[in-house]
Amino acid sequence: MSAILVVNSGSSSFKYQLIEVESEEVLASGLVERIGEESGAARHTTPEGSWTTETPIPDHTAGFRAMLDAFEEHGPSLSAHPLSAVGHRVVHGGKRFHEATVVTDLVKINIEDLSELAPLHNPANLSGISAAQEAFPGVPQVAVFDTAFHQTLPPAAYTYAVDTALAEKQRVRRYGFHGTSFEYVAGATAEFLGAPVSSLKLIVLHLGNGASACAIDGGRSVETSMGMTPLEGLVMGTRSGDIDAGVLFHLHRKTGATFAELDELLNRRSGLLGLSGTGDMRDVVSAASSGDEAASAALDVYLHRIRSYVGAYYAQLGHVDAIVFTAGVGENNALVRAGALAGLSEVGITVDQSLNEAAGSGARVISAESSRVKVLVVPTNEELEIARQSFAAVSIEQQQI
């Protein structure tokens, strides 16, 4: 009854799931938050219930102690479910990490070095790794990188048209993100369709507060919308997505905005929030349906951008077997799904209104019978993908010993 503990660590919080290896059942989950603040909180959930403890949590190490206390008090017993590994989401692996990797001192040094590419994420991910090493001495720690799945991008897709020497020195290129989600969804789509993933050409739309698109050919990422950072690509909750870089020079000249202020503008005050006043798609749709012009315009821009990427990726792939919606908005918002693919029947993409609007929680078809390209909704499960990759990485290392 061995298990994998999956950890997603941020600067002031971390989420966790305990997943049984063989059955892939979630035995427990939790959230430790407000780390470093005057009063922290630790919520622990099992099939039997949910419990929250309010207590100061000065750092991630203390957060892991609170988590261990919750397991001891409320179960399940970690002695009855010994850990095969602790799997960690790490946002940026640069071009160094192509797969899930068992953590060593050298791996930690590399993750720290790559922090300049993800200053808000990699240091927090490292804090989680260090706390887990202290909490579970002797248990393998595995880093699963958001960027790893996109290491199959061809040079034409990952290269920016800037000075080559400068780009190489400063590590400027497309890396892509949401990789664990795309990899999970590609596999789940293949299973649902009853076809090997190696035979499929897919366009996957991961639409959440953060959003990105990916063209997947035979299980390999060949194009993706996020770039060197998660800012590029689709319109998101608070991020602008694609924008003419000259806009930044213009705003700097006209307003005197600093780099930090422009960073804040594009990452935290743009996207749906900047266009409509709210970054929550549910609120945007509700306001648009009530006649709010700003919300309607925001929705139009959001959907226009998705259609542009679908068309571009269709052209790159040459043939598409399925377009797949996933993540919070993609799985739950029928209006967005219909709007994103509206007007594409001439290229073989037609959404069936009744199937699209029908309630459902699992993988399902929402395209019309006449649609040459299947349109699917496939729920993502990044935690399970991290658990699978962590177990595989540890198994491979043990075989090599």
Protein backbone atom coordinates (compact mmCIF):
# COMPACT_ATOMS: atom_id res chain seq x y z
CA MET A 1 0.00 0.00 0.00
CA SER A 2 2.79 2.44 -0.87
CA ALA A 3 1.89 6.01 -1.74
CA ILE A 4 3.21 9.17 -3.36
CA LEU A 5 2.89 12.51 -1.59
CA VAL A 6 2.42 15.23 -4.22
CA VAL A 7 3.37 18.76 -3.16
CA ASN A 8 2.72 22.04 -4.98
CA SER A 9 4.59 24.68 -3.02
CA GLY A 10 4.15 28.44 -3.30
CA SER A 11 5.85 31.23 -1.39
CA SER A 12 3.19 31.47 1.32
CA SER A 13 1.28 28.19 0.95
CA PHE A 14 1.46 24.64 -0.31
CA LYS A 15 -1.10 22.07 -1.44
CA TYR A 16 -0.66 18.34 -1.08
CA GLN A 17 -2.27 15.05 -2.03
CA LEU A 18 -1.48 11.55 -0.82
CA ILE A 19 -2.07 9.15 -3.71
CA GLU A 20 -1.97 5.36 -3.38
CA VAL A 21 0.34 3.98 -6.06
CA GLU A 22 -1.54 0.92 -7.29
CA SER A 23 -5.15 2.15 -7.18
CA GLU A 24 -4.28 5.82 -7.83
CA GLU A 25 -6.83 6.68 -5.15
CA VAL A 26 -6.51 10.04 -3.38
CA LEU A 27 -6.19 9.08 0.28
CA ALA A 28 -5.91 12.63 1.62
CA SER A 29 -5.41 16.19 0.48
CA GLY A 30 -4.73 19.48 2.14
CA LEU A 31 -3.70 23.10 2.05
CA VAL A 32 -1.28 24.87 4.34
CA GLU A 33 -1.55 28.62 3.86
CA ARG A 34 -0.57 32.04 5.22
CA ILE A 35 2.96 30.79 5.84
CA GLY A 36 5.05 33.53 7.46
CA GLU A 37 2.02 35.54 8.56
CA GLU A 38 0.83 36.15 12.08
CA SER A 39 -1.75 33.38 11.87
CA GLY A 40 -1.53 30.41 9.51
CA ALA A 41 -4.00 27.69 8.63
CA ALA A 42 -3.73 24.00 7.79
CA ARG A 43 -6.68 22.19 6.21
CA HIS A 44 -6.62 18.39 5.92
CA THR A 45 -9.23 16.37 4.05
CA THR A 46 -9.89 12.63 3.86
CA PRO A 47 -12.95 10.65 2.72
CA GLU A 48 -14.07 10.80 6.37
CA GLY A 49 -14.11 14.57 6.67
CA SER A 50 -12.19 17.84 6.67
CA TRP A 51 -10.39 19.61 9.53
CA THR A 52 -8.79 23.04 9.76
CA THR A 53 -6.24 24.15 12.34
CA GLU A 54 -5.36 27.80 12.92
CA THR A 55 -1.79 28.22 14.11
CA PRO A 56 1.29 30.32 13.37
CA ILE A 57 3.30 28.74 10.53
CA PRO A 58 6.57 30.66 10.29
CA ASP A 59 8.08 28.72 7.36
CA HIS A 60 7.62 25.71 5.09
CA THR A 61 9.32 23.39 7.57
CA ALA A 62 6.71 24.31 10.18
CA GLY A 63 4.06 23.84 7.51
CA PHE A 64 5.21 20.28 6.90
CA ARG A 65 5.10 19.62 10.65
CA ALA A 66 1.49 20.84 10.66
CA MET A 67 0.75 18.51 7.78
CA LEU A 68 2.36 15.56 9.57
CA ASP A 69 0.34 16.37 12.71
CA ALA A 70 -2.82 16.27 10.61
CA PHE A 71 -1.93 12.87 9.16
CA GLU A 72 -1.19 11.57 12.65
CA GLU A 73 -4.43 12.91 14.13
CA HIS A 74 -6.87 12.37 11.28
CA GLY A 75 -5.20 9.76 9.07
CA PRO A 76 -4.52 7.97 6.97
CA SER A 77 -1.49 6.50 8.69
CA LEU A 78 1.71 7.15 6.80
CA SER A 79 3.16 4.00 8.34
CA ALA A 80 0.34 2.02 6.73
CA HIS A 81 0.99 3.85 3.45
CA PRO A 82 4.79 4.23 3.32
CA LEU A 83 5.96 6.86 0.87
CA SER A 84 7.68 5.68 -2.29
CA ALA A 85 8.50 9.30 -3.07
CA VAL A 86 7.49 12.91 -2.60
CA GLY A 87 6.70 14.48 -5.97
CA HIS A 88 7.14 18.23 -6.32
CA ARG A 89 5.75 20.54 -8.96
CA VAL A 90 8.61 22.75 -10.13
CA VAL A 91 7.64 25.49 -12.54
CA HIS A 92 10.82 26.06 -14.53
CA GLY A 93 13.33 23.46 -15.65
CA GLY A 94 14.82 25.57 -18.45
CA LYS A 95 16.30 23.42 -21.20
CA ARG A 96 18.18 21.26 -18.67
CA PHE A 97 15.36 19.03 -17.46
CA HIS A 98 13.48 16.91 -19.99
CA GLU A 99 11.71 14.62 -17.52
CA ALA A 100 10.86 14.05 -13.88
CA THR A 101 14.12 13.96 -11.95
CA VAL A 102 15.10 12.52 -8.57
CA VAL A 103 16.38 15.44 -6.51
CA THR A 104 20.07 15.61 -5.64
CA ASP A 105 22.15 18.51 -4.37
CA LEU A 106 23.11 19.26 -7.99
CA VAL A 107 19.47 19.26 -9.07
CA LYS A 108 18.65 21.76 -6.31
CA ILE A 109 21.52 23.98 -7.45
CA ASN A 110 20.16 23.90 -10.98
CA ILE A 111 16.61 24.71 -9.86
CA GLU A 112 18.00 27.65 -7.89
CA ASP A 113 20.03 28.82 -10.89
CA LEU A 114 16.88 28.73 -13.03
CA SER A 115 15.09 30.96 -10.51
CA GLU A 116 16.01 33.98 -12.60
CA LEU A 117 13.56 32.63 -15.20
CA ALA A 118 10.82 32.03 -12.60
CA PRO A 119 11.63 34.25 -9.61
CA LEU A 120 8.14 33.93 -8.10
CA HIS A 121 7.99 30.15 -8.37
CA ASN A 122 11.28 28.23 -8.33
CA PRO A 123 12.47 29.58 -4.95
CA ALA A 124 9.12 28.58 -3.41
CA ASN A 125 9.32 25.17 -5.05
CA LEU A 126 12.79 24.74 -3.54
CA SER A 127 11.47 25.66 -0.10
CA GLY A 128 8.97 22.84 -0.40
CA ILE A 129 11.66 20.37 -1.46
CA SER A 130 13.92 21.31 1.45
CA ALA A 131 11.06 21.07 3.95
CA ALA A 132 10.07 17.67 2.57
CA GLN A 133 13.64 16.40 2.83
CA GLU A 134 13.66 17.37 6.48
CA ALA A 135 10.22 15.89 7.15
CA PHE A 136 10.88 12.63 5.28
CA PRO A 137 14.58 11.78 5.55
CA GLY A 138 15.52 8.92 3.25
CA VAL A 139 12.42 9.24 1.07
CA PRO A 140 13.26 10.13 -2.56
CA GLN A 141 12.21 13.60 -3.63
CA VAL A 142 11.26 14.01 -7.29
CA ALA A 143 11.03 17.27 -9.23
CA VAL A 144 8.39 17.30 -11.98
CA PHE A 145 8.84 20.33 -14.22
CA ASP A 146 6.04 22.29 -15.92
CA THR A 147 8.40 22.97 -18.82
CA ALA A 148 9.68 19.42 -19.39
CA PHE A 149 6.89 18.28 -21.72
CA HIS A 150 7.73 21.10 -24.12
CA GLN A 151 11.37 20.13 -24.55
CA THR A 152 10.26 18.37 -27.75
CA LEU A 153 9.46 21.72 -29.40
CA PRO A 154 11.38 22.08 -32.67
CA PRO A 155 13.84 25.00 -32.93
CA ALA A 156 11.51 26.88 -35.27
CA ALA A 157 8.87 26.87 -32.53
CA TYR A 158 11.04 27.76 -29.53
CA THR A 159 13.33 30.35 -31.16
CA TYR A 160 12.60 34.06 -30.88
CA ALA A 161 13.80 36.28 -33.73
CA VAL A 162 16.30 38.27 -31.65
CA ASP A 163 20.09 38.41 -31.61
CA THR A 164 21.20 34.77 -31.40
CA ALA A 165 24.25 35.29 -29.20
CA LEU A 166 22.32 37.46 -26.75
CA ALA A 167 19.43 35.00 -26.62
CA GLU A 168 21.77 32.09 -25.91
CA LYS A 169 23.64 33.95 -23.19
CA GLN A 170 20.49 35.17 -21.45
CA ARG A 171 18.49 31.94 -22.02
CA VAL A 172 15.85 33.72 -24.07
CA ARG A 173 13.59 31.19 -25.85
CA ARG A 174 10.13 29.65 -25.61
CA TYR A 175 9.86 27.14 -22.77
CA GLY A 176 6.10 26.67 -22.38
CA PHE A 177 4.20 25.73 -19.22
CA HIS A 178 1.25 23.59 -18.05
CA GLY A 179 3.31 20.62 -19.25
CA THR A 180 2.08 18.14 -16.65
CA SER A 181 -1.51 19.00 -17.53
CA PHE A 182 -0.93 18.62 -21.27
CA GLU A 183 0.85 15.30 -20.82
CA TYR A 184 -1.92 13.93 -18.61
CA VAL A 185 -4.69 15.12 -20.93
CA ALA A 186 -2.97 13.73 -24.03
CA GLY A 187 -2.80 10.30 -22.39
CA ALA A 188 -6.36 10.48 -21.07
CA THR A 189 -7.63 11.56 -24.50
CA ALA A 190 -5.90 8.61 -26.17
CA GLU A 191 -7.41 6.25 -23.60
CA PHE A 192 -10.87 7.74 -24.12
CA LEU A 193 -10.61 7.44 -27.91
CA GLY A 194 -9.17 3.94 -27.70
CA ALA A 195 -6.15 4.89 -29.78
CA PRO A 196 -2.42 5.01 -29.04
CA VAL A 197 -1.29 8.53 -28.21
CA SER A 198 1.48 8.07 -30.78
CA SER A 199 -1.17 8.06 -33.53
CA LEU A 200 -2.99 11.26 -32.54
CA LYS A 201 -2.70 14.91 -33.49
CA LEU A 202 -4.34 17.03 -30.80
CA ILE A 203 -4.94 20.67 -29.95
CA VAL A 204 -5.36 20.95 -26.18
CA LEU A 205 -6.77 24.13 -24.62
CA HIS A 206 -5.89 24.44 -20.92
CA LEU A 207 -8.26 27.22 -19.89
CA GLY A 208 -8.07 28.27 -16.26
CA ASN A 209 -7.10 31.54 -14.59
CA GLY A 210 -3.83 30.86 -16.39
CA ALA A 211 -4.44 29.61 -19.92
CA SER A 212 -2.41 28.10 -22.71
CA ALA A 213 -2.77 26.05 -25.87
CA CYS A 214 -0.64 23.17 -27.07
CA ALA A 215 -0.32 21.31 -30.37
CA ILE A 216 0.54 17.67 -29.63
CA ASP A 217 1.72 15.34 -32.39
CA GLY A 218 2.11 11.70 -31.41
CA GLY A 219 2.31 12.56 -27.72
CA ARG A 220 4.99 15.22 -28.28
CA SER A 221 4.54 18.94 -27.80
CA VAL A 222 5.32 20.68 -31.10
CA GLU A 223 3.91 24.14 -30.34
CA THR A 224 2.60 25.94 -27.28
CA SER A 225 1.35 29.43 -26.55
CA MET A 226 3.17 30.36 -23.35
CA GLY A 227 6.73 31.45 -23.95
CA MET A 228 9.83 32.26 -21.96
CA THR A 229 7.39 33.15 -19.18
CA PRO A 230 3.71 32.29 -18.60
CA LEU A 231 2.76 35.76 -19.85
CA GLU A 232 2.69 35.04 -23.59
CA GLY A 233 -0.23 33.60 -25.53
CA LEU A 234 -3.93 33.45 -24.65
CA VAL A 235 -5.83 36.10 -22.71
CA MET A 236 -5.94 35.00 -19.05
CA GLY A 237 -7.58 36.04 -15.82
CA THR A 238 -5.09 38.79 -15.02
CA ARG A 239 -2.38 38.34 -17.71
CA SER A 240 -2.48 40.09 -21.05
CA GLY A 241 -1.20 37.26 -23.20
CA ASP A 242 0.21 38.36 -26.57
CA ILE A 243 1.01 42.05 -26.82
CA ASP A 244 3.22 44.19 -29.06
CA ALA A 245 6.46 44.71 -27.10
CA GLY A 246 6.42 48.28 -28.39
CA VAL A 247 3.45 48.97 -26.10
CA LEU A 248 5.84 48.73 -23.14
CA PHE A 249 8.25 51.27 -24.66
CA HIS A 250 5.31 53.58 -25.40
CA LEU A 251 3.95 53.34 -21.85
CA HIS A 252 7.39 53.92 -20.39
CA ARG A 253 7.92 57.02 -22.51
CA LYS A 254 4.45 58.46 -21.95
CA THR A 255 3.90 57.62 -18.27
CA GLY A 256 7.39 56.98 -16.88
CA ALA A 257 6.25 53.52 -15.72
CA THR A 258 9.10 51.44 -14.28
CA PHE A 259 9.90 47.86 -15.30
CA ALA A 260 8.32 46.68 -12.04
CA GLU A 261 5.15 48.66 -12.74
CA LEU A 262 4.90 47.32 -16.29
CA ASP A 263 5.44 43.79 -14.98
CA GLU A 264 2.63 44.33 -12.48
CA LEU A 265 0.39 45.76 -15.21
CA LEU A 266 0.76 42.87 -17.65
CA ASN A 267 0.78 40.02 -15.12
CA ARG A 268 -1.69 41.17 -12.47
CA ARG A 269 -3.86 43.98 -13.87
CA SER A 270 -4.51 42.90 -17.46
CA GLY A 271 -6.37 40.06 -19.18
CA LEU A 272 -10.04 39.71 -18.27
CA LEU A 273 -9.48 41.85 -15.17
CA GLY A 274 -8.07 44.74 -17.16
CA LEU A 275 -10.77 44.54 -19.80
CA SER A 276 -13.83 44.00 -17.62
CA GLY A 277 -12.93 44.67 -13.98
CA THR A 278 -12.99 41.01 -12.96
CA GLY A 279 -10.59 38.15 -13.65
CA ASP A 280 -13.16 35.42 -12.97
CA MET A 281 -14.68 34.05 -16.18
CA ARG A 282 -17.91 33.17 -14.38
CA ASP A 283 -18.40 36.83 -13.47
CA VAL A 284 -17.45 37.96 -16.98
CA VAL A 285 -20.04 35.65 -18.58
CA SER A 286 -22.71 36.67 -16.08
CA ALA A 287 -22.06 40.37 -16.65
CA ALA A 288 -21.98 39.93 -20.43
CA SER A 289 -25.33 38.09 -20.37
CA SER A 290 -26.76 41.05 -18.42
CA GLY A 291 -25.70 43.48 -21.11
CA ASP A 292 -22.42 44.76 -19.66
CA GLU A 293 -20.55 46.09 -22.71
CA ALA A 294 -17.08 45.86 -21.15
CA ALA A 295 -17.65 42.23 -20.16
CA SER A 296 -18.98 41.41 -23.64
CA ALA A 297 -15.93 43.02 -25.23
CA ALA A 298 -13.60 41.11 -22.88
CA LEU A 299 -15.28 37.82 -23.78
CA ASP A 300 -14.98 38.63 -27.50
CA VAL A 301 -11.24 39.32 -27.17
CA TYR A 302 -10.74 36.14 -25.13
CA LEU A 303 -12.52 33.94 -27.67
CA HIS A 304 -10.94 35.66 -30.67
CA ARG A 305 -7.48 34.86 -29.30
CA ILE A 306 -8.34 31.18 -28.77
CA ARG A 307 -9.69 30.83 -32.32
CA SER A 308 -6.51 32.41 -33.67
CA TYR A 309 -4.39 29.79 -31.92
CA VAL A 310 -6.65 26.92 -32.96
CA GLY A 311 -6.30 27.99 -36.59
CA ALA A 312 -2.55 28.40 -36.32
CA TYR A 313 -2.07 25.01 -34.67
CA TYR A 314 -4.35 23.33 -37.20
CA ALA A 315 -2.03 24.67 -39.90
CA GLN A 316 1.08 23.49 -38.04
CA LEU A 317 -0.29 19.97 -37.52
CA GLY A 318 -1.82 19.67 -41.00
CA HIS A 319 -4.50 17.35 -39.65
CA VAL A 320 -6.26 17.32 -36.27
CA ASP A 321 -7.92 14.31 -34.67
CA ALA A 322 -9.35 16.15 -31.66
CA ILE A 323 -9.56 19.52 -29.97
CA VAL A 324 -9.63 19.07 -26.20
CA PHE A 325 -10.86 21.50 -23.54
CA THR A 326 -9.50 21.13 -20.01
CA ALA A 327 -8.92 22.97 -16.69
CA GLY A 328 -11.44 25.05 -14.75
CA VAL A 329 -12.93 27.19 -17.53
CA GLY A 330 -12.43 24.60 -20.27
CA GLU A 331 -14.13 21.84 -18.31
CA ASN A 332 -17.03 23.84 -16.92
CA ASN A 333 -17.97 26.71 -19.22
CA ALA A 334 -20.10 25.64 -22.19
CA LEU A 335 -20.43 29.19 -23.52
CA VAL A 336 -16.65 29.57 -23.77
CA ARG A 337 -16.27 26.18 -25.47
CA ALA A 338 -18.93 27.02 -28.06
CA GLY A 339 -17.62 30.52 -28.65
CA ALA A 340 -14.00 29.42 -28.97
CA LEU A 341 -14.83 27.17 -31.94
CA ALA A 342 -17.71 29.15 -33.48
CA GLY A 343 -17.59 29.55 -37.24
CA LEU A 344 -15.15 26.71 -37.88
CA SER A 345 -17.52 24.21 -39.50
CA GLU A 346 -15.90 24.80 -42.89
CA VAL A 347 -12.66 23.31 -41.55
CA GLY A 348 -14.47 20.35 -40.01
CA ILE A 349 -15.01 21.61 -36.46
CA THR A 350 -18.61 21.69 -35.21
CA VAL A 351 -19.76 21.72 -31.59
CA ASP A 352 -23.08 20.05 -30.80
CA GLN A 353 -25.08 22.47 -28.65
CA SER A 354 -26.95 19.86 -26.62
CA LEU A 355 -23.87 17.74 -25.93
CA ASN A 356 -21.86 20.84 -25.04
CA GLU A 357 -24.47 22.12 -22.60
CA ALA A 358 -25.23 18.74 -21.01
CA ALA A 359 -23.95 18.28 -17.46
CA GLY A 360 -20.99 15.99 -17.12
CA SER A 361 -17.89 15.48 -15.04
CA GLY A 362 -15.77 12.98 -16.97
CA ALA A 363 -14.25 12.80 -20.43
CA ARG A 364 -16.91 13.33 -23.07
CA VAL A 365 -17.53 14.21 -26.71
CA ILE A 366 -19.19 17.56 -27.44
CA SER A 367 -18.79 17.65 -31.22
CA ALA A 368 -21.56 16.98 -33.73
CA GLU A 369 -21.62 13.68 -35.63
CA SER A 370 -20.84 15.64 -38.79
CA SER A 371 -17.67 17.15 -37.29
CA ARG A 372 -14.52 15.74 -38.95
CA VAL A 373 -12.55 16.82 -35.90
CA LYS A 374 -13.72 15.48 -32.56
CA VAL A 375 -14.21 18.06 -29.83
CA LEU A 376 -13.77 16.71 -26.31
CA VAL A 377 -13.85 17.78 -22.70
CA VAL A 378 -11.20 15.89 -20.73
CA PRO A 379 -10.66 16.81 -17.06
CA THR A 380 -7.03 17.34 -16.14
CA ASN A 381 -5.33 15.82 -13.11
CA GLU A 382 -1.90 17.33 -12.65
CA GLU A 383 -1.44 15.78 -9.20
CA LEU A 384 -1.98 12.27 -10.54
CA GLU A 385 0.43 12.95 -13.41
CA ILE A 386 3.06 14.14 -10.93
CA ALA A 387 2.50 11.00 -8.84
CA ARG A 388 2.87 8.76 -11.88
CA GLN A 389 6.02 10.48 -13.09
CA SER A 390 7.52 10.49 -9.60
CA PHE A 391 6.95 6.76 -9.14
CA ALA A 392 8.40 6.06 -12.59
CA ALA A 393 11.49 8.20 -11.91
CA VAL A 394 12.18 6.43 -8.62
CA SER A 395 11.62 3.00 -10.19
CA ILE A 396 14.08 3.77 -13.00
CA GLU A 397 16.72 4.98 -10.55
CA GLN A 398 16.33 1.85 -8.42
CA GLN A 399 16.75 -0.35 -11.49
CA GLN A 400 19.99 1.44 -12.33
CA ILE A 401 21.50 0.90 -8.89
